[in-house]
Protein backbone atom coordinates (compact mmCIF):
# COMPACT_ATOMS: atom_id res chain seq x y z
CA MET A 1 -18.83 24.09 49.07
CA LYS A 2 -20.38 20.62 48.84
CA LYS A 3 -21.48 21.45 45.31
CA PHE A 4 -17.91 22.49 44.43
CA PHE A 5 -16.40 19.25 45.78
CA GLY A 6 -19.10 17.29 43.99
CA TRP A 7 -18.17 18.99 40.71
CA LEU A 8 -14.46 18.38 41.37
CA LEU A 9 -15.12 14.69 41.99
CA SER A 10 -17.12 14.41 38.76
CA PHE A 11 -14.34 16.14 36.84
CA ALA A 12 -11.73 13.77 38.31
CA LEU A 13 -13.88 10.82 37.34
CA VAL A 14 -14.14 12.05 33.73
CA LEU A 15 -10.38 12.53 33.61
CA SER A 16 -9.77 9.03 34.93
CA LEU A 17 -11.94 7.64 32.13
CA VAL A 18 -10.54 9.82 29.35
CA ALA A 19 -6.82 9.58 30.20
CA PRO A 20 -6.45 5.82 29.59
CA ALA A 21 -8.32 6.14 26.29
CA ALA A 22 -6.11 9.03 25.18
CA SER A 23 -3.02 7.10 26.26
CA ALA A 24 -4.20 4.05 24.34
CA GLN A 25 -4.86 6.16 21.23
CA THR A 26 -1.38 7.70 21.46
CA SER A 27 0.11 4.24 21.81
CA GLU A 28 -1.89 3.00 18.81
CA ASN A 29 -0.76 5.96 16.71
CA HIS A 30 2.85 5.34 17.68
CA ASP A 31 2.56 1.65 16.81
CA ALA A 32 0.92 2.49 13.48
CA ILE A 33 3.77 4.83 12.58
CA LYS A 34 6.39 2.29 13.64
CA ASP A 35 4.76 -0.22 11.26
CA LYS A 36 5.45 2.28 8.46
CA SER A 37 9.07 2.97 9.39
CA VAL A 38 11.28 3.90 6.46
CA HIS A 39 15.03 4.23 5.94
CA VAL A 40 16.37 6.99 3.70
CA GLN A 41 19.78 7.03 2.00
CA VAL A 42 20.84 10.44 0.66
CA VAL A 43 23.51 9.94 -1.99
CA LEU A 44 26.61 12.11 -2.21
CA PHE A 45 29.05 12.22 -5.13
CA ASP A 46 31.91 14.58 -6.00
CA GLY A 47 30.41 17.92 -7.07
CA PHE A 48 26.93 17.30 -5.66
CA ASP A 49 24.69 20.29 -4.92
CA LEU A 50 24.43 21.03 -1.19
CA LEU A 51 20.81 22.20 -1.23
CA ASP A 52 19.69 19.26 -3.38
CA ALA A 53 20.96 16.86 -0.74
CA LEU A 54 20.61 18.69 2.56
CA ALA A 55 17.13 20.19 2.12
CA PRO A 56 15.56 16.70 1.84
CA TYR A 57 17.88 15.47 4.61
CA GLU A 58 16.47 18.15 6.93
CA VAL A 59 12.87 17.21 6.03
CA PHE A 60 13.42 13.50 6.65
CA SER A 61 15.32 14.25 9.86
CA ALA A 62 12.44 16.37 11.20
CA ALA A 63 9.95 13.67 10.17
CA GLY A 64 11.97 11.17 12.17
CA MET A 65 11.85 13.46 15.19
CA TYR A 66 8.07 14.01 14.99
CA SER A 67 7.34 10.34 14.37
CA GLY A 68 9.42 9.07 17.26
CA GLY A 69 12.05 7.51 15.04
CA ALA A 70 9.89 6.07 12.24
CA VAL A 71 12.29 7.67 9.73
CA THR A 72 15.99 6.84 9.84
CA LEU A 73 18.48 8.29 7.41
CA GLU A 74 22.11 8.47 6.47
CA LEU A 75 24.40 10.17 3.98
CA VAL A 76 25.99 7.62 1.66
CA SER A 77 28.36 7.42 -1.30
CA ALA A 78 29.15 4.71 -3.85
CA GLU A 79 32.61 4.35 -2.35
CA GLY A 80 31.52 4.15 1.27
CA LYS A 81 32.48 6.29 4.23
CA ARG A 82 34.49 9.28 3.02
CA SER A 83 34.61 13.07 2.78
CA VAL A 84 32.68 14.08 -0.35
CA PRO A 85 33.39 17.51 -1.88
CA SER A 86 30.29 19.43 -2.90
CA GLY A 87 30.23 21.56 -6.02
CA ASN A 88 29.20 24.74 -4.22
CA GLY A 89 30.63 24.66 -0.71
CA PRO A 90 32.23 22.44 1.91
CA ALA A 91 32.81 18.72 1.77
CA ILE A 92 30.30 16.54 3.63
CA GLU A 93 31.04 13.23 5.34
CA ALA A 94 29.32 10.20 3.85
CA GLN A 95 28.57 7.82 6.70
CA ALA A 96 28.34 4.56 4.77
CA ALA A 97 28.24 2.90 1.37
CA LEU A 98 25.08 3.14 -0.71
CA ASP A 99 23.12 -0.09 -0.28
CA PRO A 100 20.68 -0.64 -3.18
CA ASN A 101 19.31 -3.77 -1.51
CA ARG A 102 18.07 -2.02 1.62
CA PRO A 103 14.32 -1.29 1.48
CA GLY A 104 13.31 2.36 1.77
CA ILE A 105 14.11 5.54 -0.13
CA ILE A 106 17.27 6.45 -2.02
CA LEU A 107 17.51 10.16 -2.84
CA VAL A 108 19.88 11.33 -5.58
CA PRO A 109 20.81 15.03 -5.78
CA GLY A 110 22.10 16.89 -8.79
CA ALA A 111 25.41 18.65 -9.33
CA ALA A 112 26.42 22.24 -8.62
CA GLY A 113 28.48 24.18 -11.13
CA LYS A 114 28.27 26.09 -14.40
CA PRO A 115 25.10 25.13 -16.30
CA ALA A 116 27.01 24.52 -19.55
CA GLY A 117 30.47 24.58 -21.10
CA ASN A 118 33.55 22.38 -21.06
CA SER A 119 35.20 23.60 -17.88
CA GLU A 120 35.98 21.17 -15.10
CA ASN A 121 33.23 22.61 -12.91
CA ALA A 122 30.53 22.55 -15.61
CA ILE A 123 27.55 20.42 -14.57
CA PRO A 124 27.71 18.12 -17.65
CA ASN A 125 31.32 17.28 -16.80
CA ILE A 126 30.57 16.76 -13.09
CA LEU A 127 27.78 14.34 -14.00
CA GLY A 128 30.06 12.71 -16.59
CA ARG A 129 32.67 12.01 -13.91
CA ALA A 130 30.01 10.57 -11.62
CA MET A 131 29.00 8.22 -14.43
CA LYS A 132 32.50 6.75 -14.41
CA THR A 133 32.20 5.68 -10.76
CA GLY A 134 30.30 2.75 -9.30
CA LEU A 135 27.26 4.94 -8.65
CA PRO A 136 25.29 4.28 -11.88
CA ASP A 137 25.40 0.50 -11.41
CA LEU A 138 24.25 0.85 -7.81
CA LEU A 139 21.39 3.11 -8.93
CA LYS A 140 20.35 0.51 -11.52
CA GLN A 141 20.17 -2.11 -8.77
CA ALA A 142 18.05 0.30 -6.71
CA VAL A 143 15.68 1.03 -9.61
CA ASP A 144 15.27 -2.73 -10.15
CA ASN A 145 14.54 -3.33 -6.45
CA LYS A 146 10.77 -3.41 -5.85
CA ASP A 147 11.34 -2.46 -2.19
CA VAL A 148 13.13 0.79 -3.00
CA THR A 149 11.76 4.18 -4.04
CA VAL A 150 14.34 6.17 -5.98
CA ALA A 151 13.85 9.93 -5.69
CA THR A 152 15.84 12.59 -7.50
CA VAL A 153 16.28 16.33 -7.16
CA CYS A 154 17.27 18.62 -10.02
CA GLY A 155 20.10 16.98 -12.04
CA GLY A 156 19.80 13.73 -10.10
CA SER A 157 17.28 12.54 -12.70
CA LEU A 158 19.89 13.18 -15.41
CA LEU A 159 22.23 10.72 -13.68
CA LEU A 160 19.53 8.05 -13.94
CA ALA A 161 18.71 9.02 -17.53
CA MET A 162 22.36 8.87 -18.61
CA LYS A 163 22.42 5.25 -17.42
CA GLY A 164 19.27 4.52 -19.44
CA LEU A 165 17.13 4.08 -16.34
CA LEU A 166 14.47 6.63 -17.36
CA LYS A 167 13.76 5.41 -20.88
CA ASP A 168 10.06 6.01 -21.60
CA ARG A 169 9.47 7.11 -18.02
CA HIS A 170 8.05 10.43 -16.87
CA ALA A 171 10.47 12.67 -14.99
CA VAL A 172 11.50 16.26 -14.38
CA THR A 173 14.77 18.07 -13.75
CA ASN A 174 15.94 21.67 -13.61
CA HIS A 175 14.39 23.58 -16.53
CA LEU A 176 17.87 23.98 -18.03
CA GLY A 177 18.23 20.21 -18.35
CA MET A 178 14.81 19.24 -19.74
CA ALA A 179 16.08 18.92 -23.32
CA ALA A 180 18.93 16.68 -22.14
CA LEU A 181 16.43 14.58 -20.17
CA LYS A 182 14.36 14.07 -23.33
CA ALA A 183 17.45 13.29 -25.42
CA ALA A 184 18.32 10.55 -22.92
CA GLY A 185 14.98 8.82 -23.54
CA ALA A 186 12.88 10.11 -20.65
CA ILE A 187 9.47 11.77 -21.02
CA PRO A 188 9.97 15.25 -19.53
CA VAL A 189 7.02 16.67 -17.60
CA ASP A 190 6.72 20.35 -16.74
CA ALA A 191 5.82 19.95 -13.06
CA ARG A 192 7.56 20.62 -9.79
CA VAL A 193 7.35 16.99 -8.63
CA VAL A 194 6.66 13.97 -10.87
CA GLU A 195 5.83 10.44 -9.75
CA ASP A 196 6.15 7.67 -12.34
CA GLY A 197 4.75 4.68 -10.51
CA PRO A 198 5.23 4.57 -6.75
CA ARG A 199 8.96 3.87 -6.95
CA LEU A 200 10.24 6.79 -9.03
CA VAL A 201 9.81 10.37 -7.83
CA SER A 202 11.68 13.30 -9.37
CA GLY A 203 11.88 17.00 -8.55
CA GLY A 204 12.71 20.03 -10.66
CA GLY A 205 15.07 22.82 -9.55
CA VAL A 206 17.07 22.76 -6.31
CA THR A 207 14.37 23.96 -3.90
CA SER A 208 12.03 21.24 -5.16
CA GLY A 209 13.96 18.87 -2.90
CA LEU A 210 11.83 20.19 -0.05
CA ASP A 211 8.67 19.29 -1.96
CA VAL A 212 9.93 15.85 -2.98
CA ALA A 213 10.81 14.98 0.62
CA LEU A 214 7.58 16.39 2.08
CA TYR A 215 5.55 14.43 -0.46
CA LEU A 216 7.37 11.21 0.44
CA VAL A 217 6.92 11.90 4.16
CA GLU A 218 3.18 12.38 3.62
CA ARG A 219 3.00 9.28 1.42
CA GLU A 220 4.85 7.06 3.90
CA LEU A 221 3.76 8.46 7.29
CA GLY A 222 0.65 10.49 6.59
CA PRO A 223 -0.28 14.18 6.35
CA ARG A 224 -0.03 15.00 10.06
CA ILE A 225 3.71 14.33 10.19
CA ALA A 226 4.22 16.21 6.92
CA ASN A 227 2.18 19.14 8.25
CA ALA A 228 4.22 19.23 11.46
CA VAL A 229 7.43 19.45 9.41
CA GLU A 230 5.94 22.21 7.23
CA LYS A 231 5.06 24.21 10.33
CA LEU A 232 8.51 23.70 11.81
CA PHE A 233 10.20 24.92 8.62
CA GLU A 234 7.55 27.62 7.97
CA TYR A 235 7.30 26.27 4.43
CA GLU A 236 4.31 24.89 2.51
CA ARG A 237 4.80 22.25 -0.15
CA ARG A 238 4.37 23.74 -3.62
CA GLY A 239 2.47 22.40 -6.59
CA THR A 240 0.53 19.27 -7.45
CA VAL A 241 2.51 16.03 -7.69
CA TRP A 242 2.11 15.01 -11.34
CA LYS A 243 1.15 11.39 -12.00
CA ALA A 244 0.09 9.62 -15.20
CA GLU A 245 -3.42 9.18 -13.82
CA GLY A 246 -6.87 10.61 -14.34
CA VAL A 247 -8.33 12.50 -17.30
CA THR A 248 -5.76 13.72 -19.82
CA PRO A 249 -6.03 17.51 -20.25
CA ILE A 250 -6.60 18.89 -23.74
CA ASP A 251 -3.52 20.43 -25.31
CA PHE A 252 -5.02 23.61 -26.76
CA THR A 253 -1.90 24.34 -28.79
CA THR A 254 -1.90 21.20 -30.92
CA SER A 255 -5.01 19.09 -30.46
CA GLN A 256 -7.88 18.58 -32.90
CA GLU A 257 -10.28 19.25 -30.03
CA ALA A 258 -8.76 22.71 -29.72
CA SER A 259 -9.23 23.36 -33.45
CA LYS A 260 -12.88 22.33 -33.26
CA LEU A 261 -13.46 24.62 -30.33
CA GLU A 262 -11.85 27.52 -32.16
CA GLN A 263 -13.96 27.16 -35.33
CA PRO A 264 -17.23 28.65 -33.98
CA ALA A 265 -15.39 31.70 -32.75
CA ALA A 266 -13.68 32.11 -36.11
CA ALA A 267 -17.02 31.72 -37.94
CA SER A 268 -18.68 34.36 -35.77
CA GLU A 269 -15.97 36.86 -36.65
CA LYS A 270 -16.69 36.66 -40.40
């Protein structure tokens, strides 16, 4: 019995030493995350795609929950607080006006509608109407602001390109819009998520909004928060984030290196 009580006392002593250290570490982690707090504005415009906007919203919201409030976010529009009709479902309430001067992340979704054609609900016409609002000028201010990261999902990059904001910059959009992206002066990259410098991140098709947001959460708050969100959603981020860094891969369809490599094989066949 004495031995048992002696063991119990030793265990209690260990706990008394470990608990303050663990508490201090938790406090330090919390303070570190708070130092990296980020505000996210998710842009809405008439005809926006619900999944483009709300999938990233959910990711950032969960990241805010897991980080104890290090991520704050709001739905915004160029016009301010209003009900904004989506292109594929219900209208969503924008809570405030888009503020391009506020440091943080501004996420721009694409439009939902027919991929082509001249009907009112064709995506080119939806984006064309958005270009006639105050949104493009606000996005230009955001792109010019060194304290803002502008992220796009699907056709959101086309909105930037149509304003001339992606000239000679790497970006991606839905595969159906890659030719239009190139025609607008951007450098289209066949990747799920593309980062051109730290302040421009674009995603491909609609579900890539999850990947864009998870990447930004990991970049801003670290992999543990991003992993916690992935586990909550039972979803793993897809693909490598493309950046104009590192060794350039050989293009085996057009390069001289490819031709040189093919010659020995051709000679051996003769």
